[in-house]
């Protein structure tokens, strides 16, 4: 399973070749992430330097070198708040801040913060988002990833840098 696939850049290269061969700048860009699917049944493993638990609010706060893994998905940050479902022991949402990195295979996305709603299967990354795959990159202020259908939307001064392999 891969969060980001080569298809995103192949589609963008084709669009650019048809339009003009220059980098794309736009206010909102829809992209496809191929066949990645969310596995909410996979266990979530969290490691950090510190943990604070508040039973009254149903939250746990991990701080310092936080690393979270679920299946092939990895998220790292300086701070992650885990919000549990009121009706069960399951996790409803993760709120990450402080140099957030999301990795799946060789692909990565970075941002100032990220909200992962496990029930809806969406990750919203915000604040200087950088999406990389090999030598190609996309930047924006916000990226919303829908893990259920493998799509994403980037908005807020989107810039695309594509390496076509031609000299």
N, C-alpha and C. Protein backbone atom coordinates (compact mmCIF):
# COMPACT_ATOMS: atom_id res chain seq x y z
N UNK A 1 0.85 -1.17 0.00
CA UNK A 1 0.00 0.00 0.00
C UNK A 1 0.89 1.23 0.00
N UNK A 2 0.52 2.21 -0.79
CA UNK A 2 1.30 3.43 -0.86
C UNK A 2 0.36 4.61 -0.81
N UNK A 3 0.70 5.58 0.04
CA UNK A 3 -0.11 6.79 0.17
C UNK A 3 -0.01 7.61 -1.10
N UNK A 4 1.17 7.75 -1.61
CA UNK A 4 1.39 8.59 -2.77
C UNK A 4 2.00 7.73 -3.87
N UNK A 5 1.48 7.81 -5.06
CA UNK A 5 2.00 6.98 -6.14
C UNK A 5 2.53 7.85 -7.26
N UNK A 6 3.24 7.21 -8.15
CA UNK A 6 3.80 7.90 -9.30
C UNK A 6 2.70 8.49 -10.16
N UNK A 7 1.48 7.95 -10.09
CA UNK A 7 0.37 8.43 -10.91
C UNK A 7 0.12 9.92 -10.73
N UNK A 8 0.27 10.45 -9.53
CA UNK A 8 0.03 11.87 -9.30
C UNK A 8 0.91 12.71 -10.22
N UNK A 9 2.17 12.34 -10.34
CA UNK A 9 3.09 13.12 -11.14
C UNK A 9 2.95 12.83 -12.63
N UNK A 10 2.60 11.62 -12.99
CA UNK A 10 2.35 11.32 -14.40
C UNK A 10 1.16 12.14 -14.92
N UNK A 11 0.10 12.23 -14.13
CA UNK A 11 -1.08 13.00 -14.54
C UNK A 11 -0.73 14.48 -14.65
N UNK A 12 0.03 14.99 -13.70
CA UNK A 12 0.41 16.40 -13.75
C UNK A 12 1.34 16.69 -14.91
N UNK A 13 2.30 15.79 -15.18
CA UNK A 13 3.20 15.98 -16.31
C UNK A 13 2.41 16.03 -17.60
N UNK A 14 1.44 15.13 -17.76
CA UNK A 14 0.62 15.12 -18.97
C UNK A 14 -0.15 16.43 -19.12
N UNK A 15 -0.76 16.90 -18.04
CA UNK A 15 -1.51 18.16 -18.09
C UNK A 15 -0.60 19.33 -18.45
N UNK A 16 0.56 19.36 -17.86
CA UNK A 16 1.49 20.46 -18.14
C UNK A 16 2.00 20.39 -19.57
N UNK A 17 2.30 19.19 -20.05
CA UNK A 17 2.77 19.05 -21.43
C UNK A 17 1.71 19.54 -22.41
N UNK A 18 0.45 19.27 -22.11
CA UNK A 18 -0.63 19.72 -22.98
C UNK A 18 -0.83 21.23 -22.91
N UNK A 19 -0.60 21.82 -21.74
CA UNK A 19 -0.85 23.24 -21.57
C UNK A 19 0.35 24.09 -21.94
N UNK A 20 1.50 23.81 -21.30
CA UNK A 20 2.63 24.70 -21.59
C UNK A 20 3.96 24.23 -21.06
N UNK A 21 4.34 23.29 -20.51
CA UNK A 21 5.68 22.94 -20.04
C UNK A 21 6.23 23.82 -18.93
N UNK A 22 5.43 24.60 -18.21
CA UNK A 22 5.90 25.43 -17.11
C UNK A 22 5.32 24.91 -15.80
N UNK A 23 5.92 25.27 -14.64
CA UNK A 23 5.35 24.86 -13.36
C UNK A 23 3.93 25.39 -13.19
N UNK A 24 3.09 24.63 -12.48
CA UNK A 24 1.70 25.00 -12.27
C UNK A 24 1.57 25.79 -10.98
N UNK A 25 0.86 26.92 -11.03
CA UNK A 25 0.50 27.69 -9.85
C UNK A 25 -1.00 27.83 -9.85
N UNK A 26 -1.66 27.40 -8.76
CA UNK A 26 -3.11 27.43 -8.72
C UNK A 26 -3.59 27.63 -7.30
N UNK A 27 -4.86 27.98 -7.15
CA UNK A 27 -5.44 28.16 -5.83
C UNK A 27 -5.94 26.85 -5.24
N UNK A 28 -6.34 25.90 -6.05
CA UNK A 28 -6.80 24.60 -5.55
C UNK A 28 -6.51 23.54 -6.58
N UNK A 29 -5.92 22.44 -6.16
CA UNK A 29 -5.56 21.39 -7.09
C UNK A 29 -6.01 20.05 -6.52
N UNK A 30 -6.76 19.31 -7.31
CA UNK A 30 -7.14 17.96 -6.92
C UNK A 30 -6.11 17.00 -7.47
N UNK A 31 -5.69 16.06 -6.66
CA UNK A 31 -4.70 15.08 -7.08
C UNK A 31 -5.19 13.69 -6.69
N UNK A 32 -4.67 12.70 -7.37
CA UNK A 32 -5.03 11.31 -7.07
C UNK A 32 -3.87 10.63 -6.38
N UNK A 33 -4.17 9.86 -5.35
CA UNK A 33 -3.14 9.11 -4.66
C UNK A 33 -3.21 7.63 -4.98
N UNK A 34 -3.84 7.26 -6.06
CA UNK A 34 -3.83 5.88 -6.52
C UNK A 34 -4.62 4.92 -5.65
N UNK A 35 -4.02 3.80 -5.28
CA UNK A 35 -4.76 2.71 -4.66
C UNK A 35 -4.58 2.62 -3.15
N UNK A 36 -4.03 3.63 -2.52
CA UNK A 36 -3.85 3.57 -1.07
C UNK A 36 -5.21 3.47 -0.39
N UNK A 37 -5.32 2.56 0.57
CA UNK A 37 -6.54 2.45 1.36
C UNK A 37 -6.18 2.45 2.83
N UNK A 38 -7.09 2.94 3.64
CA UNK A 38 -6.89 3.01 5.07
C UNK A 38 -7.27 1.68 5.71
N UNK A 39 -6.45 1.22 6.64
CA UNK A 39 -6.76 0.01 7.38
C UNK A 39 -7.00 0.39 8.83
N UNK A 40 -8.26 0.72 9.17
CA UNK A 40 -8.58 1.15 10.52
C UNK A 40 -8.54 -0.01 11.51
N UNK A 41 -8.44 -1.25 11.02
CA UNK A 41 -8.37 -2.39 11.92
C UNK A 41 -6.93 -2.65 12.38
N UNK A 42 -5.96 -2.08 11.68
CA UNK A 42 -4.56 -2.27 12.07
C UNK A 42 -4.30 -1.55 13.39
N UNK A 43 -3.48 -2.14 14.25
CA UNK A 43 -3.19 -1.47 15.51
C UNK A 43 -2.41 -0.18 15.29
N UNK A 44 -2.61 0.79 16.19
CA UNK A 44 -1.89 2.06 16.16
C UNK A 44 -0.82 1.99 17.24
N UNK A 45 0.44 2.14 16.84
CA UNK A 45 1.56 2.12 17.78
C UNK A 45 2.11 3.53 17.93
N UNK A 46 2.26 3.99 19.18
CA UNK A 46 2.74 5.34 19.45
C UNK A 46 3.94 5.26 20.38
N UNK A 47 5.02 5.97 20.03
CA UNK A 47 6.17 6.12 20.93
C UNK A 47 6.47 7.60 21.08
N UNK A 48 6.93 8.01 22.27
CA UNK A 48 7.26 9.41 22.52
C UNK A 48 8.12 9.52 23.77
N UNK A 49 8.61 10.73 24.04
CA UNK A 49 9.39 10.98 25.24
C UNK A 49 8.51 11.09 26.47
N UNK A 50 7.30 11.65 26.32
CA UNK A 50 6.39 11.87 27.45
C UNK A 50 4.95 11.57 27.06
N UNK A 51 4.15 11.20 28.06
CA UNK A 51 2.73 10.95 27.86
C UNK A 51 1.95 11.51 29.04
N UNK A 52 0.88 12.28 28.73
CA UNK A 52 -0.06 12.78 29.74
C UNK A 52 -1.44 12.29 29.36
N UNK A 53 -2.17 11.73 30.33
CA UNK A 53 -3.52 11.20 30.07
C UNK A 53 -4.50 11.95 30.95
N UNK A 54 -5.63 12.37 30.33
CA UNK A 54 -6.70 13.04 31.06
C UNK A 54 -7.97 12.22 30.90
N UNK A 55 -8.34 11.46 31.94
CA UNK A 55 -9.49 10.58 31.88
C UNK A 55 -10.80 11.36 31.74
N UNK A 56 -10.87 12.58 32.29
CA UNK A 56 -12.12 13.35 32.24
C UNK A 56 -12.44 13.84 30.84
N UNK A 57 -11.43 14.17 30.05
CA UNK A 57 -11.68 14.64 28.68
C UNK A 57 -11.51 13.53 27.64
N UNK A 58 -10.98 12.39 28.04
CA UNK A 58 -10.79 11.30 27.09
C UNK A 58 -9.68 11.58 26.09
N UNK A 59 -8.60 12.21 26.57
CA UNK A 59 -7.49 12.53 25.68
C UNK A 59 -6.17 12.05 26.28
N UNK A 60 -5.22 11.86 25.40
CA UNK A 60 -3.84 11.56 25.78
C UNK A 60 -2.95 12.47 24.93
N UNK A 61 -1.91 13.04 25.55
CA UNK A 61 -1.00 13.92 24.82
C UNK A 61 0.40 13.31 24.87
N UNK A 62 0.91 12.99 23.69
CA UNK A 62 2.27 12.49 23.55
C UNK A 62 3.14 13.67 23.14
N UNK A 63 4.28 13.83 23.80
CA UNK A 63 5.17 14.95 23.47
C UNK A 63 6.61 14.48 23.36
N UNK A 64 7.34 15.11 22.44
CA UNK A 64 8.75 14.82 22.25
C UNK A 64 9.00 13.62 21.37
N UNK A 65 9.50 13.86 20.18
CA UNK A 65 9.88 12.79 19.25
C UNK A 65 8.79 11.74 19.08
N UNK A 66 7.57 12.20 18.81
CA UNK A 66 6.43 11.29 18.67
C UNK A 66 6.50 10.58 17.33
N UNK A 67 6.30 9.28 17.35
CA UNK A 67 6.23 8.47 16.14
C UNK A 67 5.00 7.58 16.25
N UNK A 68 4.12 7.68 15.25
CA UNK A 68 2.89 6.89 15.23
C UNK A 68 2.89 6.05 13.97
N UNK A 69 2.55 4.77 14.12
CA UNK A 69 2.46 3.88 12.97
C UNK A 69 1.14 3.14 12.96
N UNK A 70 0.54 3.04 11.79
CA UNK A 70 -0.65 2.21 11.58
C UNK A 70 -0.52 1.59 10.20
N UNK A 71 -0.33 0.28 10.17
CA UNK A 71 -0.07 -0.37 8.88
C UNK A 71 1.21 0.18 8.29
N UNK A 72 1.16 0.63 7.04
CA UNK A 72 2.34 1.20 6.38
C UNK A 72 2.43 2.71 6.55
N UNK A 73 1.48 3.31 7.22
CA UNK A 73 1.44 4.75 7.42
C UNK A 73 2.25 5.14 8.65
N UNK A 74 3.13 6.15 8.53
CA UNK A 74 3.94 6.65 9.64
C UNK A 74 3.74 8.14 9.76
N UNK A 75 3.55 8.62 10.99
CA UNK A 75 3.40 10.04 11.26
C UNK A 75 4.34 10.40 12.40
N UNK A 76 5.14 11.46 12.22
CA UNK A 76 6.00 11.92 13.30
C UNK A 76 5.75 13.40 13.53
N UNK A 77 5.94 13.84 14.80
CA UNK A 77 5.72 15.23 15.18
C UNK A 77 6.32 15.44 16.57
N UNK A 78 6.34 16.66 17.02
CA UNK A 78 6.78 16.95 18.38
C UNK A 78 5.67 16.73 19.40
N UNK A 79 4.41 16.91 18.97
CA UNK A 79 3.29 16.75 19.89
C UNK A 79 2.11 16.15 19.14
N UNK A 80 1.46 15.17 19.76
CA UNK A 80 0.26 14.56 19.18
C UNK A 80 -0.75 14.36 20.30
N UNK A 81 -1.95 14.92 20.09
CA UNK A 81 -3.06 14.71 21.01
C UNK A 81 -3.93 13.60 20.43
N UNK A 82 -4.20 12.59 21.23
CA UNK A 82 -5.05 11.47 20.83
C UNK A 82 -6.40 11.66 21.51
N UNK A 83 -7.46 11.72 20.70
CA UNK A 83 -8.81 11.90 21.22
C UNK A 83 -9.55 10.58 21.03
N UNK A 84 -10.01 10.03 22.15
CA UNK A 84 -10.69 8.74 22.14
C UNK A 84 -12.20 8.91 21.95
N UNK A 85 -12.83 7.89 21.39
CA UNK A 85 -14.29 7.88 21.26
C UNK A 85 -14.91 7.79 22.64
N UNK A 86 -15.99 8.51 22.85
CA UNK A 86 -16.66 8.51 24.15
C UNK A 86 -17.32 7.16 24.44
N UNK A 87 -17.84 6.52 23.40
CA UNK A 87 -18.60 5.29 23.59
C UNK A 87 -17.77 4.02 23.59
N UNK A 88 -16.49 4.11 23.23
CA UNK A 88 -15.66 2.91 23.20
C UNK A 88 -14.21 3.29 23.48
N UNK A 89 -13.37 2.28 23.52
CA UNK A 89 -11.95 2.52 23.81
C UNK A 89 -11.15 2.89 22.57
N UNK A 90 -11.80 2.99 21.42
CA UNK A 90 -11.08 3.27 20.19
C UNK A 90 -10.67 4.72 20.04
N UNK A 91 -9.73 4.96 19.14
CA UNK A 91 -9.24 6.30 18.85
C UNK A 91 -10.11 6.93 17.78
N UNK A 92 -10.55 8.17 18.02
CA UNK A 92 -11.37 8.91 17.05
C UNK A 92 -10.52 9.83 16.19
N UNK A 93 -9.52 10.49 16.80
CA UNK A 93 -8.80 11.54 16.08
C UNK A 93 -7.40 11.70 16.66
N UNK A 94 -6.46 12.07 15.79
CA UNK A 94 -5.11 12.45 16.18
C UNK A 94 -4.87 13.88 15.71
N UNK A 95 -4.35 14.73 16.60
CA UNK A 95 -4.02 16.11 16.24
C UNK A 95 -2.53 16.30 16.48
N UNK A 96 -1.77 16.47 15.39
CA UNK A 96 -0.32 16.57 15.46
C UNK A 96 0.15 17.99 15.20
N UNK A 97 1.22 18.39 15.90
CA UNK A 97 1.80 19.71 15.68
C UNK A 97 3.30 19.67 15.90
N UNK A 98 3.98 20.65 15.32
CA UNK A 98 5.42 20.73 15.50
C UNK A 98 6.20 19.86 14.54
N UNK A 99 6.36 20.32 13.31
CA UNK A 99 7.16 19.59 12.34
C UNK A 99 6.60 18.23 12.00
N UNK A 100 5.39 18.19 11.48
CA UNK A 100 4.69 16.95 11.17
C UNK A 100 5.21 16.36 9.85
N UNK A 101 5.50 15.07 9.87
CA UNK A 101 5.91 14.34 8.66
C UNK A 101 5.04 13.10 8.54
N UNK A 102 4.46 12.91 7.36
CA UNK A 102 3.63 11.75 7.06
C UNK A 102 4.34 10.96 5.97
N UNK A 103 4.59 9.66 6.21
CA UNK A 103 5.36 8.85 5.27
C UNK A 103 4.62 7.56 4.97
N UNK A 104 4.64 7.19 3.69
CA UNK A 104 4.16 5.89 3.25
C UNK A 104 5.12 5.41 2.17
N UNK A 105 5.87 4.38 2.49
CA UNK A 105 6.89 3.91 1.55
C UNK A 105 7.95 4.97 1.33
N UNK A 106 8.28 5.26 0.08
CA UNK A 106 9.29 6.26 -0.23
C UNK A 106 8.71 7.66 -0.36
N UNK A 107 7.41 7.82 -0.18
CA UNK A 107 6.74 9.10 -0.36
C UNK A 107 6.56 9.80 0.97
N UNK A 108 6.59 11.14 0.96
CA UNK A 108 6.49 11.88 2.22
C UNK A 108 5.77 13.21 2.03
N UNK A 109 5.11 13.66 3.10
CA UNK A 109 4.48 14.98 3.15
C UNK A 109 4.86 15.60 4.48
N UNK A 110 5.18 16.90 4.45
CA UNK A 110 5.54 17.64 5.65
C UNK A 110 4.61 18.83 5.80
N UNK A 111 4.35 19.23 7.06
CA UNK A 111 3.51 20.40 7.32
C UNK A 111 3.72 20.84 8.77
N UNK A 112 3.19 22.01 9.10
CA UNK A 112 3.27 22.50 10.48
C UNK A 112 2.37 21.69 11.39
N UNK A 113 1.19 21.26 10.87
CA UNK A 113 0.25 20.50 11.68
C UNK A 113 -0.57 19.55 10.84
N UNK A 114 -1.21 18.58 11.52
CA UNK A 114 -2.06 17.62 10.82
C UNK A 114 -3.14 17.11 11.76
N UNK A 115 -4.35 16.96 11.23
CA UNK A 115 -5.48 16.37 11.94
C UNK A 115 -5.88 15.11 11.19
N UNK A 116 -5.87 13.98 11.88
CA UNK A 116 -6.22 12.69 11.29
C UNK A 116 -7.51 12.20 11.94
N UNK A 117 -8.62 12.28 11.21
CA UNK A 117 -9.91 11.78 11.68
C UNK A 117 -10.03 10.34 11.22
N UNK A 118 -9.85 9.43 12.13
CA UNK A 118 -9.80 8.01 11.78
C UNK A 118 -11.14 7.51 11.26
N UNK A 119 -12.24 7.95 11.86
CA UNK A 119 -13.56 7.48 11.42
C UNK A 119 -13.89 7.90 9.99
N UNK A 120 -13.59 9.15 9.63
CA UNK A 120 -13.89 9.61 8.27
C UNK A 120 -12.79 9.24 7.29
N UNK A 121 -11.62 8.87 7.80
CA UNK A 121 -10.51 8.50 6.92
C UNK A 121 -9.87 9.69 6.23
N UNK A 122 -9.83 10.85 6.90
CA UNK A 122 -9.22 12.03 6.29
C UNK A 122 -8.07 12.54 7.15
N UNK A 123 -7.05 13.01 6.46
CA UNK A 123 -5.93 13.70 7.09
C UNK A 123 -5.86 15.08 6.48
N UNK A 124 -5.91 16.11 7.32
CA UNK A 124 -5.78 17.49 6.86
C UNK A 124 -4.44 18.00 7.35
N UNK A 125 -3.53 18.26 6.42
CA UNK A 125 -2.23 18.82 6.75
C UNK A 125 -2.26 20.31 6.40
N UNK A 126 -1.73 21.14 7.30
CA UNK A 126 -1.79 22.58 7.04
C UNK A 126 -0.51 23.27 7.49
N UNK A 127 -0.24 24.40 6.86
CA UNK A 127 0.94 25.20 7.18
C UNK A 127 2.16 24.75 6.40
N UNK A 128 2.42 25.41 5.27
CA UNK A 128 3.61 25.12 4.46
C UNK A 128 3.75 23.64 4.14
N UNK A 129 2.75 23.08 3.50
CA UNK A 129 2.75 21.66 3.14
C UNK A 129 3.74 21.42 2.01
N UNK A 130 4.54 20.39 2.16
CA UNK A 130 5.48 19.96 1.12
C UNK A 130 5.25 18.48 0.88
N UNK A 131 4.87 18.13 -0.34
CA UNK A 131 4.63 16.75 -0.73
C UNK A 131 5.72 16.35 -1.70
N UNK A 132 6.48 15.29 -1.39
CA UNK A 132 7.57 14.87 -2.26
C UNK A 132 7.44 13.41 -2.63
N UNK A 133 7.89 13.14 -3.86
CA UNK A 133 8.00 11.77 -4.34
C UNK A 133 9.17 11.76 -5.31
N UNK A 134 10.24 11.12 -4.90
CA UNK A 134 11.44 11.16 -5.72
C UNK A 134 11.89 12.60 -5.90
N UNK A 135 12.25 13.00 -7.12
CA UNK A 135 12.72 14.37 -7.35
C UNK A 135 11.59 15.39 -7.56
N UNK A 136 10.34 14.97 -7.59
CA UNK A 136 9.22 15.87 -7.83
C UNK A 136 8.60 16.31 -6.52
N UNK A 137 7.99 17.52 -6.55
CA UNK A 137 7.42 18.07 -5.31
C UNK A 137 6.21 18.95 -5.60
N UNK A 138 5.32 19.04 -4.61
CA UNK A 138 4.18 19.95 -4.62
C UNK A 138 4.19 20.70 -3.30
N UNK A 139 3.88 22.01 -3.33
CA UNK A 139 3.75 22.77 -2.10
C UNK A 139 2.40 23.47 -2.09
N UNK A 140 1.87 23.71 -0.89
CA UNK A 140 0.59 24.41 -0.71
C UNK A 140 0.48 24.78 0.75
N UNK A 141 -0.57 25.50 1.09
CA UNK A 141 -0.82 25.82 2.49
C UNK A 141 -1.65 24.74 3.18
N UNK A 142 -2.41 23.97 2.39
CA UNK A 142 -3.28 22.95 2.98
C UNK A 142 -3.41 21.77 2.02
N UNK A 143 -3.41 20.56 2.59
CA UNK A 143 -3.66 19.36 1.81
C UNK A 143 -4.62 18.48 2.60
N UNK A 144 -5.73 18.10 1.96
CA UNK A 144 -6.71 17.20 2.57
C UNK A 144 -6.64 15.88 1.84
N UNK A 145 -6.30 14.82 2.57
CA UNK A 145 -6.16 13.49 2.00
C UNK A 145 -7.36 12.65 2.42
N UNK A 146 -8.06 12.05 1.47
CA UNK A 146 -9.14 11.13 1.75
C UNK A 146 -8.58 9.72 1.58
N UNK A 147 -8.32 9.05 2.68
CA UNK A 147 -7.70 7.73 2.63
C UNK A 147 -8.65 6.65 2.11
N UNK A 148 -9.95 6.89 2.20
CA UNK A 148 -10.92 5.88 1.76
C UNK A 148 -10.97 5.76 0.24
N UNK A 149 -10.87 6.90 -0.47
CA UNK A 149 -10.91 6.80 -1.94
C UNK A 149 -9.58 7.14 -2.61
N UNK A 150 -8.54 7.41 -1.82
CA UNK A 150 -7.21 7.62 -2.38
C UNK A 150 -7.04 8.94 -3.10
N UNK A 151 -7.78 9.99 -2.71
CA UNK A 151 -7.65 11.28 -3.36
C UNK A 151 -7.18 12.33 -2.36
N UNK A 152 -6.76 13.46 -2.91
CA UNK A 152 -6.35 14.57 -2.07
C UNK A 152 -6.63 15.87 -2.78
N UNK A 153 -6.73 16.93 -2.00
CA UNK A 153 -6.91 18.27 -2.54
C UNK A 153 -5.89 19.18 -1.88
N UNK A 154 -5.17 19.93 -2.71
CA UNK A 154 -4.21 20.89 -2.20
C UNK A 154 -4.73 22.28 -2.51
N UNK A 155 -4.63 23.18 -1.54
CA UNK A 155 -5.13 24.54 -1.75
C UNK A 155 -4.23 25.55 -1.06
N UNK A 156 -4.33 26.79 -1.50
CA UNK A 156 -3.54 27.86 -0.93
C UNK A 156 -2.20 28.02 -1.61
N UNK A 157 -2.18 28.63 -2.74
CA UNK A 157 -0.98 28.90 -3.53
C UNK A 157 -0.20 27.62 -3.81
N UNK A 158 -0.79 26.78 -4.62
CA UNK A 158 -0.20 25.49 -4.97
C UNK A 158 0.90 25.69 -6.00
N UNK A 159 2.03 25.08 -5.77
CA UNK A 159 3.15 25.13 -6.71
C UNK A 159 3.61 23.71 -6.97
N UNK A 160 3.83 23.39 -8.24
CA UNK A 160 4.25 22.06 -8.63
C UNK A 160 5.62 22.14 -9.28
N UNK A 161 6.52 21.28 -8.84
CA UNK A 161 7.84 21.16 -9.47
C UNK A 161 7.96 19.72 -9.93
N UNK A 162 8.02 19.54 -11.25
CA UNK A 162 8.05 18.19 -11.82
C UNK A 162 9.38 17.93 -12.50
N UNK A 163 9.93 16.78 -12.24
CA UNK A 163 11.14 16.34 -12.92
C UNK A 163 10.70 15.31 -13.95
N UNK A 164 10.81 15.66 -15.22
CA UNK A 164 10.32 14.78 -16.27
C UNK A 164 11.33 13.74 -16.71
N UNK A 165 12.56 13.86 -16.28
CA UNK A 165 13.58 12.90 -16.67
C UNK A 165 14.31 13.32 -17.94
N UNK A 166 13.88 14.42 -18.56
CA UNK A 166 14.53 14.91 -19.77
C UNK A 166 15.59 15.92 -19.39
N UNK A 167 16.71 15.93 -20.14
CA UNK A 167 17.79 16.90 -19.88
C UNK A 167 17.56 18.16 -20.63
